[in-house]
């Protein structure tokens, strides 16, 4: 996807690929830091690196 693609579009695409509801997913970095979904894909990559994970929001704040 182009770097200027909103991260929410990326979340939706990946969530659909894994049969998840994008509205109930969050993104974290490989260090466990939450990623602001209002970023663009390029900004998220530059700030947090390529190892981003999509997780159900009910996992946010848990050490699972």
Protein backbone atom coordinates (compact mmCIF):
# COMPACT_ATOMS: atom_id res chain seq x y z
CA UNK A 1 0.00 0.00 0.00
CA UNK A 2 1.20 3.55 -0.60
CA UNK A 3 2.83 5.31 2.35
CA UNK A 4 0.04 7.92 2.49
CA UNK A 5 -2.66 5.26 3.00
CA UNK A 6 -4.53 5.82 6.28
CA UNK A 7 -3.61 3.13 8.81
CA UNK A 8 -7.31 2.48 9.36
CA UNK A 9 -7.54 1.22 5.76
CA UNK A 10 -4.62 -1.14 6.40
CA UNK A 11 -6.21 -2.37 9.63
CA UNK A 12 -9.46 -3.06 7.81
CA UNK A 13 -7.71 -4.99 5.04
CA UNK A 14 -5.66 -7.15 7.43
CA UNK A 15 -8.59 -7.75 9.78
CA UNK A 16 -10.71 -8.96 6.86
CA UNK A 17 -7.90 -11.29 5.74
CA UNK A 18 -7.98 -12.96 9.15
CA UNK A 19 -11.76 -12.94 9.56
CA UNK A 20 -11.73 -10.29 12.30
CA UNK A 21 -13.84 -7.19 12.78
CA UNK A 22 -11.64 -4.15 12.09
CA UNK A 23 -13.75 -2.07 14.49
CA UNK A 24 -12.62 -4.26 17.39
CA UNK A 25 -8.91 -4.49 16.50
CA UNK A 26 -5.93 -2.45 17.61
CA UNK A 27 -2.33 -2.25 16.41
CA UNK A 28 0.76 -2.62 18.57
CA UNK A 29 4.47 -2.48 17.79
CA UNK A 30 6.88 -5.35 18.40
CA UNK A 31 7.71 -3.63 21.71
CA UNK A 32 4.06 -3.72 22.79
CA UNK A 33 3.43 -0.02 22.24
CA UNK A 34 0.00 0.94 20.94
CA UNK A 35 -0.06 2.56 17.51
CA UNK A 36 -2.37 5.50 16.81
CA UNK A 37 -4.75 4.38 14.05
CA UNK A 38 -4.99 7.98 12.81
CA UNK A 39 -1.44 7.75 11.40
CA UNK A 40 -0.71 6.99 7.78
CA UNK A 41 0.84 3.62 6.94
CA UNK A 42 4.16 5.34 6.19
CA UNK A 43 4.21 7.30 9.44
CA UNK A 44 3.40 4.16 11.45
CA UNK A 45 6.21 2.28 9.69
CA UNK A 46 8.72 5.10 10.24
CA UNK A 47 7.77 5.51 13.90
CA UNK A 48 7.29 1.88 14.98
CA UNK A 49 9.07 -0.23 12.36
CA UNK A 50 7.79 -3.02 10.16
CA UNK A 51 6.87 -5.48 12.91
CA UNK A 52 3.36 -4.26 13.70
CA UNK A 53 0.74 -6.62 15.10
CA UNK A 54 -3.03 -6.44 14.87
CA UNK A 55 -4.76 -7.63 18.04
CA UNK A 56 -8.30 -7.69 19.42
CA UNK A 57 -8.84 -4.54 21.50
CA UNK A 58 -9.83 -6.60 24.53
CA UNK A 59 -6.16 -7.68 24.66
CA UNK A 60 -4.90 -4.10 24.88
CA UNK A 61 -3.11 -3.65 28.21
CA UNK A 62 -2.81 -7.41 28.81
CA UNK A 63 0.41 -9.37 28.66
CA UNK A 64 -0.87 -12.09 26.32
